[in-house]
Amino acid sequence: MNNITRTKASLIHFCISLAAFSIIFFILFTLWYPEPYFTASGGWQGLKIAASIDLVLGPLLTLIIYNPSKSTRELSLDLSVVACIQTAALIWGVMTIYNQRPVAVVYWEDSFFTVAATDLNRYD
């Protein structure tokens, strides 16, 4: 029925995830965390978490559940569930990164500190 192997399906899923993650990385690096705030605010830590969710979780689940002998309807349902899980996890990760974006730089006791959006909202 279906001539796509598990590995090929997982690779296709990885490429789609990589394209989506590249767009998110562009937004993150240019709008939310412009240099030098990306490094100073721990942007790499949030990026690693989002990358592990987006680039590993979805393709790995596709590799596990994809079976070429399944009907098109079953495959569509399975891959839709994987896409929903991956999208929900990615949205949660992106919202976490967004809420930690720097909105101010404060000079205090001979040092500069970044102030995250959540820190300002706490005292409104």
N, C-alpha and C. Protein backbone atom coordinates (compact mmCIF):
# COMPACT_ATOMS: atom_id res chain seq x y z
N MET A 1 0.81 -1.19 0.00
CA MET A 1 0.00 0.00 0.00
C MET A 1 0.86 1.26 0.00
N ASN A 2 1.64 1.41 1.06
CA ASN A 2 2.45 2.60 1.24
C ASN A 2 3.91 2.21 1.08
N ASN A 3 4.64 2.91 0.23
CA ASN A 3 6.02 2.52 -0.04
C ASN A 3 7.05 3.36 0.73
N ILE A 4 6.61 4.10 1.73
CA ILE A 4 7.53 4.89 2.55
C ILE A 4 7.93 4.06 3.76
N THR A 5 9.23 3.93 3.99
CA THR A 5 9.71 3.16 5.13
C THR A 5 9.63 4.00 6.41
N ARG A 6 9.81 3.32 7.53
CA ARG A 6 9.80 4.03 8.82
C ARG A 6 10.87 5.10 8.88
N THR A 7 12.05 4.73 8.43
CA THR A 7 13.18 5.67 8.48
C THR A 7 12.91 6.89 7.61
N LYS A 8 12.38 6.67 6.42
CA LYS A 8 12.09 7.79 5.53
C LYS A 8 10.99 8.68 6.11
N ALA A 9 9.97 8.08 6.70
CA ALA A 9 8.90 8.87 7.32
C ALA A 9 9.44 9.70 8.48
N SER A 10 10.32 9.10 9.27
CA SER A 10 10.93 9.83 10.38
C SER A 10 11.82 10.95 9.88
N LEU A 11 12.54 10.71 8.80
CA LEU A 11 13.41 11.74 8.22
C LEU A 11 12.58 12.90 7.65
N ILE A 12 11.47 12.59 7.01
CA ILE A 12 10.57 13.64 6.51
C ILE A 12 10.03 14.46 7.68
N HIS A 13 9.64 13.78 8.74
CA HIS A 13 9.14 14.47 9.93
C HIS A 13 10.24 15.35 10.53
N PHE A 14 11.46 14.85 10.56
CA PHE A 14 12.58 15.63 11.07
C PHE A 14 12.80 16.90 10.24
N CYS A 15 12.73 16.78 8.91
CA CYS A 15 12.92 17.95 8.04
C CYS A 15 11.83 19.00 8.26
N ILE A 16 10.59 18.56 8.41
CA ILE A 16 9.50 19.49 8.69
C ILE A 16 9.72 20.16 10.05
N SER A 17 10.11 19.37 11.03
CA SER A 17 10.38 19.91 12.37
C SER A 17 11.54 20.89 12.34
N LEU A 18 12.57 20.58 11.56
CA LEU A 18 13.73 21.47 11.44
C LEU A 18 13.34 22.80 10.81
N ALA A 19 12.47 22.75 9.81
CA ALA A 19 12.00 24.00 9.19
C ALA A 19 11.21 24.84 10.19
N ALA A 20 10.32 24.21 10.94
CA ALA A 20 9.54 24.94 11.95
C ALA A 20 10.45 25.49 13.03
N PHE A 21 11.42 24.70 13.46
CA PHE A 21 12.33 25.14 14.51
C PHE A 21 13.22 26.28 14.03
N SER A 22 13.59 26.26 12.76
CA SER A 22 14.41 27.34 12.21
C SER A 22 13.66 28.67 12.25
N ILE A 23 12.38 28.64 11.96
CA ILE A 23 11.56 29.86 12.03
C ILE A 23 11.49 30.35 13.48
N ILE A 24 11.27 29.43 14.40
CA ILE A 24 11.21 29.80 15.82
C ILE A 24 12.55 30.35 16.28
N PHE A 25 13.65 29.73 15.85
CA PHE A 25 14.98 30.21 16.23
C PHE A 25 15.22 31.62 15.71
N PHE A 26 14.79 31.89 14.48
CA PHE A 26 14.95 33.22 13.91
C PHE A 26 14.21 34.26 14.74
N ILE A 27 12.96 33.97 15.09
CA ILE A 27 12.18 34.89 15.92
C ILE A 27 12.83 35.06 17.29
N LEU A 28 13.25 33.96 17.87
CA LEU A 28 13.87 34.00 19.19
C LEU A 28 15.14 34.82 19.19
N PHE A 29 15.97 34.62 18.19
CA PHE A 29 17.29 35.25 18.17
C PHE A 29 17.24 36.71 17.72
N THR A 30 16.27 37.08 16.90
CA THR A 30 16.23 38.45 16.39
C THR A 30 15.26 39.36 17.15
N LEU A 31 14.13 38.83 17.62
CA LEU A 31 13.12 39.67 18.26
C LEU A 31 13.12 39.58 19.78
N TRP A 32 13.14 38.37 20.31
CA TRP A 32 12.99 38.20 21.75
C TRP A 32 14.32 38.28 22.50
N TYR A 33 15.38 37.80 21.90
CA TYR A 33 16.69 37.77 22.56
C TYR A 33 17.78 38.30 21.63
N PRO A 34 17.74 39.56 21.24
CA PRO A 34 18.84 40.06 20.39
C PRO A 34 20.14 40.05 21.19
N GLU A 35 21.25 39.93 20.48
CA GLU A 35 22.55 39.93 21.17
C GLU A 35 22.73 41.23 21.91
N PRO A 36 23.29 41.25 23.04
CA PRO A 36 23.94 40.22 23.85
C PRO A 36 23.00 39.53 24.82
N TYR A 37 21.70 39.79 24.72
CA TYR A 37 20.74 39.26 25.69
C TYR A 37 20.55 37.76 25.58
N PHE A 38 20.78 37.22 24.40
CA PHE A 38 20.58 35.78 24.20
C PHE A 38 21.48 34.99 25.14
N THR A 39 22.75 35.35 25.18
CA THR A 39 23.69 34.66 26.04
C THR A 39 23.51 35.06 27.50
N ALA A 40 23.31 36.35 27.75
CA ALA A 40 23.20 36.84 29.12
C ALA A 40 21.95 36.33 29.84
N SER A 41 20.89 36.08 29.11
CA SER A 41 19.63 35.66 29.74
C SER A 41 19.41 34.16 29.71
N GLY A 42 20.41 33.41 29.29
CA GLY A 42 20.26 31.97 29.27
C GLY A 42 19.43 31.47 28.11
N GLY A 43 19.52 32.14 26.98
CA GLY A 43 18.76 31.74 25.80
C GLY A 43 19.14 30.36 25.29
N TRP A 44 20.39 29.98 25.47
CA TRP A 44 20.83 28.66 25.00
C TRP A 44 20.13 27.54 25.76
N GLN A 45 19.89 27.75 27.04
CA GLN A 45 19.21 26.73 27.84
C GLN A 45 17.79 26.50 27.32
N GLY A 46 17.05 27.56 27.10
CA GLY A 46 15.71 27.42 26.56
C GLY A 46 15.71 26.84 25.16
N LEU A 47 16.70 27.22 24.38
CA LEU A 47 16.80 26.70 23.02
C LEU A 47 17.08 25.20 23.01
N LYS A 48 17.92 24.74 23.91
CA LYS A 48 18.21 23.30 23.99
C LYS A 48 16.96 22.51 24.34
N ILE A 49 16.16 23.03 25.26
CA ILE A 49 14.93 22.34 25.65
C ILE A 49 13.96 22.30 24.47
N ALA A 50 13.78 23.44 23.80
CA ALA A 50 12.86 23.49 22.66
C ALA A 50 13.35 22.60 21.52
N ALA A 51 14.67 22.56 21.30
CA ALA A 51 15.22 21.72 20.24
C ALA A 51 15.02 20.24 20.55
N SER A 52 15.23 19.87 21.79
CA SER A 52 15.04 18.45 22.13
C SER A 52 13.59 18.03 21.97
N ILE A 53 12.68 18.93 22.29
CA ILE A 53 11.26 18.62 22.12
C ILE A 53 10.91 18.54 20.64
N ASP A 54 11.30 19.55 19.89
CA ASP A 54 10.87 19.65 18.50
C ASP A 54 11.62 18.71 17.57
N LEU A 55 12.91 18.60 17.73
CA LEU A 55 13.70 17.84 16.77
C LEU A 55 13.89 16.38 17.13
N VAL A 56 13.55 16.00 18.36
CA VAL A 56 13.73 14.60 18.76
C VAL A 56 12.39 13.91 19.00
N LEU A 57 11.52 14.55 19.76
CA LEU A 57 10.27 13.92 20.17
C LEU A 57 9.41 13.48 18.98
N GLY A 58 9.11 14.40 18.09
CA GLY A 58 8.23 14.09 16.96
C GLY A 58 8.77 13.03 16.02
N PRO A 59 9.99 13.21 15.49
CA PRO A 59 10.53 12.19 14.60
C PRO A 59 10.72 10.83 15.27
N LEU A 60 11.05 10.82 16.56
CA LEU A 60 11.21 9.55 17.27
C LEU A 60 9.87 8.84 17.41
N LEU A 61 8.83 9.58 17.75
CA LEU A 61 7.49 8.98 17.83
C LEU A 61 7.04 8.48 16.46
N THR A 62 7.37 9.22 15.41
CA THR A 62 7.03 8.77 14.06
C THR A 62 7.75 7.47 13.73
N LEU A 63 9.02 7.40 14.09
CA LEU A 63 9.80 6.19 13.85
C LEU A 63 9.20 4.99 14.59
N ILE A 64 8.70 5.22 15.78
CA ILE A 64 8.14 4.13 16.59
C ILE A 64 6.78 3.67 16.06
N ILE A 65 5.89 4.60 15.73
CA ILE A 65 4.51 4.19 15.41
C ILE A 65 4.24 3.98 13.92
N TYR A 66 5.11 4.48 13.05
CA TYR A 66 4.85 4.37 11.61
C TYR A 66 4.98 2.92 11.17
N ASN A 67 4.00 2.45 10.44
CA ASN A 67 4.01 1.10 9.90
C ASN A 67 3.43 1.16 8.49
N PRO A 68 4.24 0.84 7.48
CA PRO A 68 3.76 0.94 6.09
C PRO A 68 2.56 0.04 5.78
N SER A 69 2.36 -1.00 6.57
CA SER A 69 1.23 -1.90 6.29
C SER A 69 -0.10 -1.37 6.83
N LYS A 70 -0.08 -0.29 7.59
CA LYS A 70 -1.32 0.31 8.08
C LYS A 70 -2.05 1.01 6.94
N SER A 71 -3.34 1.14 7.11
CA SER A 71 -4.12 1.85 6.10
C SER A 71 -3.82 3.35 6.18
N THR A 72 -4.18 4.05 5.12
CA THR A 72 -3.95 5.50 5.08
C THR A 72 -4.70 6.20 6.21
N ARG A 73 -5.88 5.73 6.52
CA ARG A 73 -6.68 6.32 7.60
C ARG A 73 -5.98 6.13 8.95
N GLU A 74 -5.47 4.94 9.20
CA GLU A 74 -4.77 4.68 10.47
C GLU A 74 -3.49 5.50 10.58
N LEU A 75 -2.75 5.58 9.49
CA LEU A 75 -1.52 6.37 9.50
C LEU A 75 -1.83 7.85 9.72
N SER A 76 -2.88 8.33 9.07
CA SER A 76 -3.26 9.74 9.25
C SER A 76 -3.62 10.03 10.70
N LEU A 77 -4.36 9.14 11.31
CA LEU A 77 -4.74 9.31 12.71
C LEU A 77 -3.51 9.27 13.62
N ASP A 78 -2.65 8.28 13.41
CA ASP A 78 -1.44 8.15 14.24
C ASP A 78 -0.54 9.38 14.11
N LEU A 79 -0.31 9.81 12.89
CA LEU A 79 0.58 10.96 12.68
C LEU A 79 -0.06 12.26 13.15
N SER A 80 -1.38 12.33 13.11
CA SER A 80 -2.07 13.52 13.65
C SER A 80 -1.90 13.60 15.16
N VAL A 81 -1.97 12.46 15.83
CA VAL A 81 -1.76 12.44 17.28
C VAL A 81 -0.34 12.85 17.61
N VAL A 82 0.63 12.34 16.86
CA VAL A 82 2.03 12.72 17.07
C VAL A 82 2.21 14.22 16.84
N ALA A 83 1.62 14.73 15.77
CA ALA A 83 1.74 16.16 15.48
C ALA A 83 1.11 17.01 16.58
N CYS A 84 -0.02 16.57 17.11
CA CYS A 84 -0.66 17.32 18.21
C CYS A 84 0.20 17.31 19.47
N ILE A 85 0.76 16.16 19.80
CA ILE A 85 1.64 16.07 20.98
C ILE A 85 2.85 16.96 20.80
N GLN A 86 3.47 16.88 19.63
CA GLN A 86 4.66 17.68 19.36
C GLN A 86 4.33 19.17 19.35
N THR A 87 3.24 19.54 18.75
CA THR A 87 2.85 20.95 18.70
C THR A 87 2.55 21.49 20.10
N ALA A 88 1.84 20.72 20.90
CA ALA A 88 1.54 21.16 22.27
C ALA A 88 2.82 21.34 23.08
N ALA A 89 3.75 20.39 22.95
CA ALA A 89 5.02 20.50 23.68
C ALA A 89 5.83 21.69 23.18
N LEU A 90 5.81 21.92 21.88
CA LEU A 90 6.55 23.05 21.32
C LEU A 90 5.95 24.38 21.75
N ILE A 91 4.63 24.48 21.76
CA ILE A 91 3.98 25.72 22.20
C ILE A 91 4.31 26.00 23.66
N TRP A 92 4.28 24.97 24.49
CA TRP A 92 4.64 25.15 25.89
C TRP A 92 6.08 25.64 26.02
N GLY A 93 7.00 25.04 25.27
CA GLY A 93 8.40 25.46 25.32
C GLY A 93 8.60 26.88 24.83
N VAL A 94 7.95 27.23 23.74
CA VAL A 94 8.09 28.59 23.18
C VAL A 94 7.48 29.62 24.14
N MET A 95 6.36 29.30 24.75
CA MET A 95 5.77 30.24 25.71
C MET A 95 6.68 30.43 26.93
N THR A 96 7.32 29.36 27.36
CA THR A 96 8.27 29.47 28.47
C THR A 96 9.43 30.37 28.10
N ILE A 97 9.97 30.18 26.91
CA ILE A 97 11.08 31.02 26.44
C ILE A 97 10.61 32.47 26.29
N TYR A 98 9.42 32.66 25.75
CA TYR A 98 8.88 34.01 25.56
C TYR A 98 8.72 34.74 26.90
N ASN A 99 8.23 34.04 27.89
CA ASN A 99 8.02 34.67 29.20
C ASN A 99 9.33 35.01 29.90
N GLN A 100 10.42 34.38 29.51
CA GLN A 100 11.71 34.66 30.12
C GLN A 100 12.54 35.66 29.32
N ARG A 101 11.96 36.23 28.27
CA ARG A 101 12.71 37.17 27.44
C ARG A 101 13.11 38.40 28.25
N PRO A 102 14.26 38.98 27.96
CA PRO A 102 14.68 40.17 28.71
C PRO A 102 13.92 41.41 28.23
N VAL A 103 13.47 42.21 29.18
CA VAL A 103 12.75 43.43 28.83
C VAL A 103 13.47 44.67 29.36
N ALA A 104 14.45 44.47 30.22
CA ALA A 104 15.21 45.60 30.76
C ALA A 104 16.59 45.13 31.19
N VAL A 105 17.52 46.06 31.20
CA VAL A 105 18.85 45.81 31.73
C VAL A 105 19.05 46.78 32.89
N VAL A 106 19.44 46.23 34.01
CA VAL A 106 19.59 47.02 35.23
C VAL A 106 21.05 47.00 35.67
N TYR A 107 21.55 48.18 36.01
CA TYR A 107 22.90 48.29 36.56
C TYR A 107 22.78 48.39 38.07
N TRP A 108 23.39 47.42 38.76
CA TRP A 108 23.30 47.39 40.22
C TRP A 108 24.60 46.83 40.79
N GLU A 109 25.20 47.57 41.70
CA GLU A 109 26.44 47.17 42.37
C GLU A 109 27.51 46.72 41.38
N ASP A 110 27.85 47.58 40.47
CA ASP A 110 28.92 47.36 39.50
C ASP A 110 28.68 46.19 38.54
N SER A 111 27.44 45.80 38.32
CA SER A 111 27.12 44.73 37.39
C SER A 111 25.83 45.04 36.65
N PHE A 112 25.71 44.48 35.47
CA PHE A 112 24.48 44.59 34.69
C PHE A 112 23.70 43.29 34.83
N PHE A 113 22.40 43.41 35.01
CA PHE A 113 21.52 42.26 35.11
C PHE A 113 20.36 42.44 34.15
N THR A 114 19.93 41.35 33.56
CA THR A 114 18.75 41.42 32.70
C THR A 114 17.51 41.11 33.55
N VAL A 115 16.42 41.78 33.21
CA VAL A 115 15.15 41.57 33.91
C VAL A 115 14.20 40.89 32.93
N ALA A 116 13.70 39.73 33.34
CA ALA A 116 12.79 38.97 32.48
C ALA A 116 11.37 39.54 32.56
N ALA A 117 10.59 39.23 31.54
CA ALA A 117 9.20 39.71 31.49
C ALA A 117 8.40 39.22 32.69
N THR A 118 8.63 38.01 33.12
CA THR A 118 7.88 37.49 34.27
C THR A 118 8.23 38.22 35.55
N ASP A 119 9.46 38.71 35.67
CA ASP A 119 9.85 39.47 36.86
C ASP A 119 9.10 40.79 36.94
N LEU A 120 8.88 41.44 35.81
CA LEU A 120 8.13 42.69 35.81
C LEU A 120 6.66 42.46 36.08
N ASN A 121 6.10 41.42 35.53
CA ASN A 121 4.68 41.14 35.72
C ASN A 121 4.35 40.81 37.17
N ARG A 122 5.31 40.29 37.90
CA ARG A 122 5.10 39.94 39.29
C ARG A 122 4.79 41.15 40.15
N TYR A 123 5.33 42.30 39.77
CA TYR A 123 5.20 43.49 40.61
C TYR A 123 4.27 44.55 40.03
N ASP A 124 3.51 44.21 39.02
CA ASP A 124 2.57 45.18 38.43
C ASP A 124 1.40 45.45 39.33
